[in-house]
Every structure is written in structure tokens, then in C-alpha cells.
Amino acid sequence: MTGLAETLAEWLARGDAVALVTVADTRGSTPREAGAAMLVARDRTRGTVGGGRLEWLAVERARALLDSDHNADRLEVPLGPAIGQCCGGHVTLTVERADAHTQDALAAGERRAADARPVLLLFGAGHVGKALAVALALLPLRLRWIDSRAGEFPDRLPPGVEAVVSDRPLDHLAAAPAGAGYLVLTHSHALDFDLTEAALRRGDAAYVGLIGSATKRSRFERWYAARGRDAATLAGLTCPIGAALTGDKRPEVIAALVAAEILVAFAGHAAKTT
């Protein structure tokens, strides 16, 4: 998905007048957080500051700014009956005429946000792996998709996904940063077990997911115990993955459910470590 910085560069290159609307402050219940932003031109918008009447007012004010001699404006919006939006909080919006300096600042902010995203290692490029790569590419993650079979990766990767062709996946797992997540669904049960064991033994994973059934989990637990591993670490294992809809094994459905699991896991890990 194109970021606001790239979009702004394209619009400015076409000669469009553009305003940047940013959520500067929030109080109480609001539809977006501070820092959320959108671009407004005279005939199009990109991004969102929360939708509804709030966003309508923001777009109206931004276009009024573009038709004036001013470079900046500020909008205080109580989200209550006065505007027909029932969140009940309060939003402060800043509106500024955008230029090349704005584009540079947006690009720098997007780079910082991307660098701060949690890392997820996806092992396996089979049919479920392909569905997962598409679903996970939409999330605020740094996704590394690892398989030894170069021909299994699609010709066009989902945006933002890094494909890694390697016959040493354990090395990539060992090199991952603390707080990373791991999704294991390779073409080999033996490799699945080795990767899952290594992820659990790290002790710092936000999420460890192993594809398979309850039977596969039981087999893994017995194998894990036979190797003398600490059974308490098995509490950190999600297997089966995407089990909220038991029995629906369509890859796209599994991918949607796993994506939700991972977001919850990363949020919980962040809450525990901050």
C-alpha cells in the first residue's frame, strides 16, 4: 500500500494543491489516535483521521485552506451531539498546506514507524503460507517469508513482504530480534518441530504458531518432552493456529484468523514489556 509520503510526492509532481490533516491531540473516546493523518486535495483524499462527520469537517476545512492565502489552521472538534458523532471524546486537528518539506517529514516518520514494527518470521511457502503472506502484508509488521524452495514464492510478492530463500531457516530464527513472532508451516514435519522447539526455547517470542491439528500438537509435546525440554514453555505455543472456526480449513479463512491471533499476541507482548 502506498504511504502518504509517496502519494504526496505524486500529487505535488502533478501540480496539485494539497493539505495535510493530522490528529494532534485526543481526549476521551476517539476514532483515531494522535498522529493519524490524511492528505486532502481539491478532488481527492488519501488516508483517514477517523471517518464520519469528523472527517467531513476536516476535509471541508482543508479545502478552505487551499482556497485561501493561509498556510495552517487548527480545528477543535467535540465528538458529541453537536456534530452527530457519538464517540464522546475530543479531537484537535491541525491542517497545513503541504510542500516538499512536508513530504520529507512524512517519509522520515514512515521510516521510523516501519523500523519500530514487530518482526514476524513466516516459515513455509505452501498454499497456507501464500494466503498468510497476503493477509499479513496488510498489517503493521515486518514480515520475513522463508522457504528453501525459490519456485514456491509468487512472481509478485505482496507489498512490504521480504522473501528469503534459504536452506538454513534455523539460522534466521536464531538471528531474529527479541519480541519477534514465528509462524511455522513448512513442507516437513521434522523441520516444523525443530523450528518450533527453537522458537519456544528462545523464551522471548511474542507468538509461536505451528500449523496442524490437536493430534500434531500432542505429537510435538511428546517429542519436546523426550528431548528434555521444559514443559512449561509449551504454554507459549499456539497449535492449531487459526482455530477460532474449528473445521474450516480454507487457506484464506485460516489466514484471516491467524492474522487476528498475531495482532492480539503482539499487543499483549508489548503491554507486558512496557
C-alpha atoms as a PDB file:
ATOM      1  CA  MET A   1       0.000   0.000   0.000  1.00  0.00           C
ATOM      2  CA  THR A   2       1.385   3.401  -0.976  1.00  0.00           C
ATOM      3  CA  GLY A   3       2.281   5.564   2.017  1.00  0.00           C
ATOM      4  CA  LEU A   4       1.212   9.173   2.429  1.00  0.00           C
ATOM      5  CA  ALA A   5       4.726  10.408   1.642  1.00  0.00           C
ATOM      6  CA  GLU A   6       4.781   8.698  -1.755  1.00  0.00           C
ATOM      7  CA  THR A   7       1.242   9.828  -2.507  1.00  0.00           C
ATOM      8  CA  LEU A   8       2.089  13.421  -1.598  1.00  0.00           C
ATOM      9  CA  ALA A   9       5.138  13.344  -3.865  1.00  0.00           C
ATOM     10  CA  GLU A  10       2.961  12.146  -6.760  1.00  0.00           C
ATOM     11  CA  TRP A  11       0.291  14.801  -6.176  1.00  0.00           C
ATOM     12  CA  LEU A  12       2.797  17.619  -5.834  1.00  0.00           C
ATOM     13  CA  ALA A  13       4.535  16.493  -9.027  1.00  0.00           C
ATOM     14  CA  ARG A  14       1.195  16.835 -10.835  1.00  0.00           C
ATOM     15  CA  GLY A  15       0.884  20.389  -9.546  1.00  0.00           C
ATOM     16  CA  ASP A  16      -1.952  19.671  -7.104  1.00  0.00           C
ATOM     17  CA  ALA A  17      -2.507  21.882  -4.102  1.00  0.00           C
ATOM     18  CA  VAL A  18      -2.535  19.558  -1.077  1.00  0.00           C
ATOM     19  CA  ALA A  19      -3.215  19.913   2.637  1.00  0.00           C
ATOM     20  CA  LEU A  20      -2.067  17.576   5.389  1.00  0.00           C
ATOM     21  CA  VAL A  21      -4.572  16.979   8.198  1.00  0.00           C
ATOM     22  CA  THR A  22      -3.145  15.464  11.379  1.00  0.00           C
ATOM     23  CA  VAL A  23      -4.716  14.353  14.646  1.00  0.00           C
ATOM     24  CA  ALA A  24      -2.666  16.493  17.020  1.00  0.00           C
ATOM     25  CA  ASP A  25      -4.379  15.562  20.285  1.00  0.00           C
ATOM     26  CA  THR A  26      -7.214  13.418  21.606  1.00  0.00           C
ATOM     27  CA  ARG A  27      -9.209  13.253  24.818  1.00  0.00           C
ATOM     28  CA  GLY A  28     -11.641  10.512  25.733  1.00  0.00           C
ATOM     29  CA  SER A  29     -13.072   8.115  23.160  1.00  0.00           C
ATOM     30  CA  THR A  30     -11.992   9.000  19.608  1.00  0.00           C
ATOM     31  CA  PRO A  31     -11.989   7.101  16.296  1.00  0.00           C
ATOM     32  CA  ARG A  32      -8.244   7.573  15.645  1.00  0.00           C
ATOM     33  CA  GLU A  33      -5.128   8.125  17.709  1.00  0.00           C
ATOM     34  CA  ALA A  34      -2.828  11.137  17.815  1.00  0.00           C
ATOM     35  CA  GLY A  35      -0.570  11.122  14.775  1.00  0.00           C
ATOM     36  CA  ALA A  36      -3.154   9.722  12.361  1.00  0.00           C
ATOM     37  CA  ALA A  37      -3.123  11.765   9.172  1.00  0.00           C
ATOM     38  CA  MET A  38      -4.696  12.256   5.775  1.00  0.00           C
ATOM     39  CA  LEU A  39      -3.964  14.182   2.605  1.00  0.00           C
ATOM     40  CA  VAL A  40      -6.619  16.398   1.060  1.00  0.00           C
ATOM     41  CA  ALA A  41      -6.532  17.789  -2.482  1.00  0.00           C
ATOM     42  CA  ARG A  42      -9.358  19.640  -4.153  1.00  0.00           C
ATOM     43  CA  ASP A  43     -10.713  16.481  -5.792  1.00  0.00           C
ATOM     44  CA  ARG A  44      -9.359  13.556  -3.767  1.00  0.00           C
ATOM     45  CA  THR A  45      -8.216  12.382  -0.361  1.00  0.00           C
ATOM     46  CA  ARG A  46      -5.869   9.685   0.948  1.00  0.00           C
ATOM     47  CA  GLY A  47      -5.656   8.330   4.490  1.00  0.00           C
ATOM     48  CA  THR A  48      -8.126   8.904   7.304  1.00  0.00           C
ATOM     49  CA  VAL A  49      -8.457  10.758  10.586  1.00  0.00           C
ATOM     50  CA  GLY A  50     -11.498   8.778  11.693  1.00  0.00           C
ATOM     51  CA  GLY A  51     -14.262   8.977   9.125  1.00  0.00           C
ATOM     52  CA  GLY A  52     -17.794  10.240   9.673  1.00  0.00           C
ATOM     53  CA  ARG A  53     -18.673  13.845  10.368  1.00  0.00           C
ATOM     54  CA  LEU A  54     -15.244  14.468  11.904  1.00  0.00           C
ATOM     55  CA  GLU A  55     -13.510  13.665   8.635  1.00  0.00           C
ATOM     56  CA  TRP A  56     -16.067  15.595   6.609  1.00  0.00           C
ATOM     57  CA  LEU A  57     -15.296  18.693   8.692  1.00  0.00           C
ATOM     58  CA  ALA A  58     -11.574  18.089   8.292  1.00  0.00           C
ATOM     59  CA  VAL A  59     -11.823  17.847   4.501  1.00  0.00           C
ATOM     60  CA  GLU A  60     -14.011  20.948   4.353  1.00  0.00           C
ATOM     61  CA  ARG A  61     -11.531  22.945   6.440  1.00  0.00           C
ATOM     62  CA  ALA A  62      -8.553  21.664   4.436  1.00  0.00           C
ATOM     63  CA  ARG A  63     -10.091  22.685   1.107  1.00  0.00           C
ATOM     64  CA  ALA A  64     -10.988  26.086   2.521  1.00  0.00           C
ATOM     65  CA  LEU A  65      -7.334  26.482   3.495  1.00  0.00           C
ATOM     66  CA  LEU A  66      -6.224  25.577  -0.033  1.00  0.00           C
ATOM     67  CA  ASP A  67      -8.540  28.284  -1.416  1.00  0.00           C
ATOM     68  CA  SER A  68      -7.131  30.899   0.984  1.00  0.00           C
ATOM     69  CA  ASP A  69      -3.834  32.703   1.462  1.00  0.00           C
ATOM     70  CA  HIS A  70      -3.166  30.872   4.751  1.00  0.00           C
ATOM     71  CA  ASN A  71      -0.728  28.045   5.332  1.00  0.00           C
ATOM     72  CA  ALA A  72      -2.094  26.486   8.518  1.00  0.00           C
ATOM     73  CA  ASP A  73      -5.264  26.070  10.534  1.00  0.00           C
ATOM     74  CA  ARG A  74      -6.416  24.285  13.675  1.00  0.00           C
ATOM     75  CA  LEU A  75      -9.733  22.595  14.330  1.00  0.00           C
ATOM     76  CA  GLU A  76     -11.171  21.633  17.737  1.00  0.00           C
ATOM     77  CA  VAL A  77     -13.894  19.001  17.378  1.00  0.00           C
ATOM     78  CA  PRO A  78     -16.037  17.745  20.287  1.00  0.00           C
ATOM     79  CA  LEU A  79     -17.365  14.341  19.251  1.00  0.00           C
ATOM     80  CA  GLY A  80     -20.881  14.608  20.557  1.00  0.00           C
ATOM     81  CA  PRO A  81     -24.413  15.538  19.524  1.00  0.00           C
ATOM     82  CA  ALA A  82     -23.261  18.851  18.040  1.00  0.00           C
ATOM     83  CA  ILE A  83     -21.738  17.047  15.049  1.00  0.00           C
ATOM     84  CA  GLY A  84     -23.830  13.873  15.191  1.00  0.00           C
ATOM     85  CA  GLN A  85     -20.904  11.666  16.177  1.00  0.00           C
ATOM     86  CA  CYS A  86     -21.313   9.740  19.406  1.00  0.00           C
ATOM     87  CA  CYS A  87     -17.737   8.856  20.428  1.00  0.00           C
ATOM     88  CA  GLY A  88     -17.960  11.425  23.210  1.00  0.00           C
ATOM     89  CA  GLY A  89     -14.307  12.469  23.133  1.00  0.00           C
ATOM     90  CA  HIS A  90     -12.497  15.488  21.754  1.00  0.00           C
ATOM     91  CA  VAL A  91     -10.127  15.739  18.791  1.00  0.00           C
ATOM     92  CA  THR A  92      -7.698  18.501  17.888  1.00  0.00           C
ATOM     93  CA  LEU A  93      -6.752  18.574  14.204  1.00  0.00           C
ATOM     94  CA  THR A  94      -4.007  20.562  12.551  1.00  0.00           C
ATOM     95  CA  VAL A  95      -4.303  21.492   8.889  1.00  0.00           C
ATOM     96  CA  GLU A  96      -1.272  22.638   6.905  1.00  0.00           C
ATOM     97  CA  ARG A  97      -0.508  23.380   3.299  1.00  0.00           C
ATOM     98  CA  ALA A  98       1.780  20.560   2.146  1.00  0.00           C
ATOM     99  CA  ASP A  99       5.028  21.005   0.230  1.00  0.00           C
ATOM    100  CA  ALA A 100       8.301  19.175  -0.349  1.00  0.00           C
ATOM    101  CA  HIS A 101       9.333  19.710   3.273  1.00  0.00           C
ATOM    102  CA  THR A 102       6.086  18.084   4.392  1.00  0.00           C
ATOM    103  CA  GLN A 103       6.833  15.140   2.110  1.00  0.00           C
ATOM    104  CA  ASP A 104      10.304  14.747   3.643  1.00  0.00           C
ATOM    105  CA  ALA A 105       8.877  14.830   7.167  1.00  0.00           C
ATOM    106  CA  LEU A 106       6.211  12.264   6.276  1.00  0.00           C
ATOM    107  CA  ALA A 107       8.801   9.976   4.695  1.00  0.00           C
ATOM    108  CA  ALA A 108      11.037  10.166   7.769  1.00  0.00           C
ATOM    109  CA  GLY A 109       8.091   9.420  10.041  1.00  0.00           C
ATOM    110  CA  GLU A 110       7.044   6.459   7.923  1.00  0.00           C
ATOM    111  CA  ARG A 111      10.588   5.059   8.045  1.00  0.00           C
ATOM    112  CA  ARG A 112      10.649   5.356  11.841  1.00  0.00           C
ATOM    113  CA  ALA A 113       7.244   3.687  12.117  1.00  0.00           C
ATOM    114  CA  ALA A 114       8.315   0.861   9.801  1.00  0.00           C
ATOM    115  CA  ASP A 115      11.509   0.269  11.770  1.00  0.00           C
ATOM    116  CA  ALA A 116       9.510   0.066  15.005  1.00  0.00           C
ATOM    117  CA  ARG A 117       7.131  -2.585  13.699  1.00  0.00           C
ATOM    118  CA  PRO A 118       7.452  -6.057  15.215  1.00  0.00           C
ATOM    119  CA  VAL A 119       9.152  -8.765  13.173  1.00  0.00           C
ATOM    120  CA  LEU A 120       7.288 -11.876  12.109  1.00  0.00           C
ATOM    121  CA  LEU A 121       9.043 -14.851  10.531  1.00  0.00           C
ATOM    122  CA  LEU A 122       6.802 -16.976   8.319  1.00  0.00           C
ATOM    123  CA  PHE A 123       8.339 -20.368   7.549  1.00  0.00           C
ATOM    124  CA  GLY A 124       6.823 -22.113   4.546  1.00  0.00           C
ATOM    125  CA  ALA A 125       5.564 -21.013   1.132  1.00  0.00           C
ATOM    126  CA  GLY A 126       2.890 -23.647   0.583  1.00  0.00           C
ATOM    127  CA  HIS A 127      -0.776 -22.855  -0.060  1.00  0.00           C
ATOM    128  CA  VAL A 128      -1.460 -21.699   3.516  1.00  0.00           C
ATOM    129  CA  GLY A 129       1.813 -19.773   3.589  1.00  0.00           C
ATOM    130  CA  LYS A 130       0.817 -17.910   0.424  1.00  0.00           C
ATOM    131  CA  ALA A 131      -2.576 -16.974   1.890  1.00  0.00           C
ATOM    132  CA  LEU A 132      -0.913 -15.861   5.107  1.00  0.00           C
ATOM    133  CA  ALA A 133       1.623 -13.678   3.289  1.00  0.00           C
ATOM    134  CA  VAL A 134      -1.213 -11.828   1.550  1.00  0.00           C
ATOM    135  CA  ALA A 135      -3.198 -11.354   4.771  1.00  0.00           C
ATOM    136  CA  LEU A 136      -0.212 -10.391   6.923  1.00  0.00           C
ATOM    137  CA  ALA A 137       1.140  -7.902   4.372  1.00  0.00           C
ATOM    138  CA  LEU A 138      -1.760  -5.605   5.313  1.00  0.00           C
ATOM    139  CA  LEU A 139      -0.747  -5.497   8.982  1.00  0.00           C
ATOM    140  CA  PRO A 140       1.803  -3.242  10.736  1.00  0.00           C
ATOM    141  CA  LEU A 141       4.507  -5.913  10.751  1.00  0.00           C
ATOM    142  CA  ARG A 142       7.903  -6.571   9.189  1.00  0.00           C
ATOM    143  CA  LEU A 143       7.245  -9.889   7.510  1.00  0.00           C
ATOM    144  CA  ARG A 144      10.101 -12.200   6.504  1.00  0.00           C
ATOM    145  CA  TRP A 145       8.851 -15.145   4.453  1.00  0.00           C
ATOM    146  CA  ILE A 146      11.334 -18.004   4.473  1.00  0.00           C
ATOM    147  CA  ASP A 147      11.490 -21.167   2.376  1.00  0.00           C
ATOM    148  CA  SER A 148      14.247 -23.202   0.720  1.00  0.00           C
ATOM    149  CA  ARG A 149      12.238 -23.571  -2.496  1.00  0.00           C
ATOM    150  CA  ALA A 150      12.625 -20.426  -4.593  1.00  0.00           C
ATOM    151  CA  GLY A 151       9.982 -21.622  -7.059  1.00  0.00           C
ATOM    152  CA  GLU A 152       7.286 -21.659  -4.375  1.00  0.00           C
ATOM    153  CA  PHE A 153       7.281 -17.889  -3.981  1.00  0.00           C
ATOM    154  CA  PRO A 154       4.878 -15.990  -6.259  1.00  0.00           C
ATOM    155  CA  ASP A 155       6.313 -13.902  -9.089  1.00  0.00           C
ATOM    156  CA  ARG A 156       4.962 -10.789  -7.373  1.00  0.00           C
ATOM    157  CA  LEU A 157       5.304 -10.598  -3.613  1.00  0.00           C
ATOM    158  CA  PRO A 158       2.696  -8.813  -1.510  1.00  0.00           C
ATOM    159  CA  PRO A 159       3.856  -5.230  -0.821  1.00  0.00           C
ATOM    160  CA  GLY A 160       6.312  -4.957   2.044  1.00  0.00           C
ATOM    161  CA  VAL A 161       6.994  -8.698   2.303  1.00  0.00           C
ATOM    162  CA  GLU A 162      10.625  -9.833   2.287  1.00  0.00           C
ATOM    163  CA  ALA A 163      11.152 -13.249   0.691  1.00  0.00           C
ATOM    164  CA  VAL A 164      14.167 -15.210   1.941  1.00  0.00           C
ATOM    165  CA  VAL A 165      15.330 -18.296   0.039  1.00  0.00           C
ATOM    166  CA  SER A 166      17.359 -20.328   2.493  1.00  0.00           C
ATOM    167  CA  ASP A 167      18.043 -23.934   3.398  1.00  0.00           C
ATOM    168  CA  ARG A 168      19.147 -22.790   6.882  1.00  0.00           C
ATOM    169  CA  PRO A 169      15.915 -21.458   8.400  1.00  0.00           C
ATOM    170  CA  LEU A 170      17.115 -22.086  11.959  1.00  0.00           C
ATOM    171  CA  ASP A 171      19.854 -19.524  11.418  1.00  0.00           C
ATOM    172  CA  HIS A 172      17.248 -16.881  10.578  1.00  0.00           C
ATOM    173  CA  LEU A 173      15.242 -17.806  13.654  1.00  0.00           C
ATOM    174  CA  ALA A 174      18.320 -17.515  15.850  1.00  0.00           C
ATOM    175  CA  ALA A 175      19.127 -14.076  14.401  1.00  0.00           C
ATOM    176  CA  ALA A 176      15.633 -12.644  14.911  1.00  0.00           C
ATOM    177  CA  PRO A 177      15.253  -9.805  17.424  1.00  0.00           C
ATOM    178  CA  ALA A 178      13.690 -10.256  20.849  1.00  0.00           C
ATOM    179  CA  GLY A 179       9.925  -9.974  20.730  1.00  0.00           C
ATOM    180  CA  ALA A 180       9.599 -11.416  17.229  1.00  0.00           C
ATOM    181  CA  GLY A 181       6.847 -13.803  16.214  1.00  0.00           C
ATOM    182  CA  TYR A 182       7.163 -17.147  14.444  1.00  0.00           C
ATOM    183  CA  LEU A 183       4.724 -18.963  12.181  1.00  0.00           C
ATOM    184  CA  VAL A 184       5.795 -22.484  11.279  1.00  0.00           C
ATOM    185  CA  LEU A 185       4.185 -24.283   8.347  1.00  0.00           C
ATOM    186  CA  THR A 186       6.884 -25.876   6.234  1.00  0.00           C
ATOM    187  CA  HIS A 187       6.684 -28.885   3.929  1.00  0.00           C
ATOM    188  CA  SER A 188       8.401 -31.048   6.570  1.00  0.00           C
ATOM    189  CA  HIS A 189       7.014 -32.157   9.939  1.00  0.00           C
ATOM    190  CA  ALA A 190      10.548 -32.705  11.195  1.00  0.00           C
ATOM    191  CA  LEU A 191      11.548 -29.160  10.255  1.00  0.00           C
ATOM    192  CA  ASP A 192       8.326 -27.835  11.770  1.00  0.00           C
ATOM    193  CA  PHE A 193       9.254 -29.464  15.068  1.00  0.00           C
ATOM    194  CA  ASP A 194      12.841 -28.182  15.009  1.00  0.00           C
ATOM    195  CA  LEU A 195      11.759 -24.610  14.271  1.00  0.00           C
ATOM    196  CA  THR A 196       9.001 -24.638  16.878  1.00  0.00           C
ATOM    197  CA  GLU A 197      11.353 -26.037  19.506  1.00  0.00           C
ATOM    198  CA  ALA A 198      13.927 -23.349  18.754  1.00  0.00           C
ATOM    199  CA  ALA A 199      11.320 -20.577  18.917  1.00  0.00           C
ATOM    200  CA  LEU A 200       9.960 -21.783  22.264  1.00  0.00           C
ATOM    201  CA  ARG A 201      13.410 -22.208  23.762  1.00  0.00           C
ATOM    202  CA  ARG A 202      14.307 -18.595  22.969  1.00  0.00           C
ATOM    203  CA  GLY A 203      11.868 -17.511  25.679  1.00  0.00           C
ATOM    204  CA  ASP A 204      11.314 -14.062  24.174  1.00  0.00           C
ATOM    205  CA  ALA A 205       8.799 -14.701  21.382  1.00  0.00           C
ATOM    206  CA  ALA A 206       5.616 -12.679  21.128  1.00  0.00           C
ATOM    207  CA  TYR A 207       3.943 -15.521  19.228  1.00  0.00           C
ATOM    208  CA  VAL A 208       4.849 -19.078  18.240  1.00  0.00           C
ATOM    209  CA  GLY A 209       2.338 -20.708  15.911  1.00  0.00           C
ATOM    210  CA  LEU A 210       2.556 -24.223  14.496  1.00  0.00           C
ATOM    211  CA  ILE A 211       0.195 -25.357  11.764  1.00  0.00           C
ATOM    212  CA  GLY A 212      -1.591 -28.641  12.347  1.00  0.00           C
ATOM    213  CA  SER A 213      -4.252 -30.406  14.350  1.00  0.00           C
ATOM    214  CA  ALA A 214      -4.637 -31.199  18.034  1.00  0.00           C
ATOM    215  CA  THR A 215      -3.053 -34.548  17.182  1.00  0.00           C
ATOM    216  CA  LYS A 216       0.019 -32.817  15.776  1.00  0.00           C
ATOM    217  CA  ARG A 217       0.276 -30.735  18.924  1.00  0.00           C
ATOM    218  CA  SER A 218       0.159 -33.858  21.072  1.00  0.00           C
ATOM    219  CA  ARG A 219       2.904 -35.449  18.973  1.00  0.00           C
ATOM    220  CA  PHE A 220       5.007 -32.331  19.266  1.00  0.00           C
ATOM    221  CA  GLU A 221       4.534 -32.176  23.039  1.00  0.00           C
ATOM    222  CA  ARG A 222       5.684 -35.798  23.407  1.00  0.00           C
ATOM    223  CA  TRP A 223       8.668 -35.160  21.130  1.00  0.00           C
ATOM    224  CA  TYR A 224       9.517 -31.998  23.057  1.00  0.00           C
ATOM    225  CA  ALA A 225       9.376 -33.804  26.402  1.00  0.00           C
ATOM    226  CA  ALA A 226      11.501 -36.660  25.091  1.00  0.00           C
ATOM    227  CA  ARG A 227      14.220 -34.137  24.308  1.00  0.00           C
ATOM    228  CA  GLY A 228      14.193 -32.991  27.930  1.00  0.00           C
ATOM    229  CA  ARG A 229      12.635 -29.591  27.274  1.00  0.00           C
ATOM    230  CA  ASP A 230      10.738 -27.602  29.889  1.00  0.00           C
ATOM    231  CA  ALA A 231       7.032 -28.420  29.555  1.00  0.00           C
ATOM    232  CA  ALA A 232       6.134 -25.012  30.988  1.00  0.00           C
ATOM    233  CA  THR A 233       7.332 -23.338  27.786  1.00  0.00           C
ATOM    234  CA  LEU A 234       4.575 -25.133  25.856  1.00  0.00           C
ATOM    235  CA  ALA A 235       2.156 -22.545  27.218  1.00  0.00           C
ATOM    236  CA  GLY A 236       3.652 -20.209  24.624  1.00  0.00           C
ATOM    237  CA  LEU A 237       2.673 -22.432  21.703  1.00  0.00           C
ATOM    238  CA  THR A 238      -0.374 -21.813  19.534  1.00  0.00           C
ATOM    239  CA  CYS A 239      -1.324 -25.054  17.794  1.00  0.00           C
ATOM    240  CA  PRO A 240      -3.586 -25.437  15.946  1.00  0.00           C
ATOM    241  CA  ILE A 241      -3.288 -21.923  14.522  1.00  0.00           C
ATOM    242  CA  GLY A 242      -6.438 -20.072  13.499  1.00  0.00           C
ATOM    243  CA  ALA A 243      -8.646 -22.442  15.448  1.00  0.00           C
ATOM    244  CA  ALA A 244     -11.470 -19.989  16.191  1.00  0.00           C
ATOM    245  CA  LEU A 245     -13.565 -21.566  13.423  1.00  0.00           C
ATOM    246  CA  THR A 246     -12.948 -25.240  14.010  1.00  0.00           C
ATOM    247  CA  GLY A 247     -13.261 -27.321  10.863  1.00  0.00           C
ATOM    248  CA  ASP A 248     -12.924 -24.567   8.247  1.00  0.00           C
ATOM    249  CA  LYS A 249      -9.596 -25.356   6.596  1.00  0.00           C
ATOM    250  CA  ARG A 250      -9.710 -22.990   3.648  1.00  0.00           C
ATOM    251  CA  PRO A 251      -6.328 -21.225   3.479  1.00  0.00           C
ATOM    252  CA  GLU A 252      -7.872 -17.760   3.254  1.00  0.00           C
ATOM    253  CA  VAL A 253     -10.013 -18.385   6.333  1.00  0.00           C
ATOM    254  CA  ILE A 254      -7.077 -19.767   8.303  1.00  0.00           C
ATOM    255  CA  ALA A 255      -5.026 -16.742   7.250  1.00  0.00           C
ATOM    256  CA  ALA A 256      -7.651 -14.271   8.462  1.00  0.00           C
ATOM    257  CA  LEU A 257      -7.951 -15.981  11.824  1.00  0.00           C
ATOM    258  CA  VAL A 258      -4.189 -16.278  12.271  1.00  0.00           C
ATOM    259  CA  ALA A 259      -3.738 -12.591  11.428  1.00  0.00           C
ATOM    260  CA  ALA A 260      -6.120 -11.722  14.264  1.00  0.00           C
ATOM    261  CA  GLU A 261      -4.270 -14.073  16.637  1.00  0.00           C
ATOM    262  CA  ILE A 262      -0.964 -12.430  15.807  1.00  0.00           C
ATOM    263  CA  LEU A 263      -2.211  -8.881  16.330  1.00  0.00           C
ATOM    264  CA  VAL A 264      -3.572  -9.839  19.750  1.00  0.00           C
ATOM    265  CA  ALA A 265      -0.319 -11.632  20.630  1.00  0.00           C
ATOM    266  CA  PHE A 266       1.902  -8.704  19.668  1.00  0.00           C
ATOM    267  CA  ALA A 267      -0.326  -6.246  21.543  1.00  0.00           C
ATOM    268  CA  GLY A 268      -0.208  -8.432  24.647  1.00  0.00           C
ATOM    269  CA  HIS A 269       3.552  -8.828  24.433  1.00  0.00           C
ATOM    270  CA  ALA A 270       4.011  -5.069  24.060  1.00  0.00           C
ATOM    271  CA  ALA A 271       1.803  -4.436  27.104  1.00  0.00           C
ATOM    272  CA  LYS A 272       3.894  -6.829  29.201  1.00  0.00           C
ATOM    273  CA  THR A 273       7.223  -5.362  28.170  1.00  0.00           C
ATOM    274  CA  THR A 274       6.435  -1.649  28.530  1.00  0.00           C
END
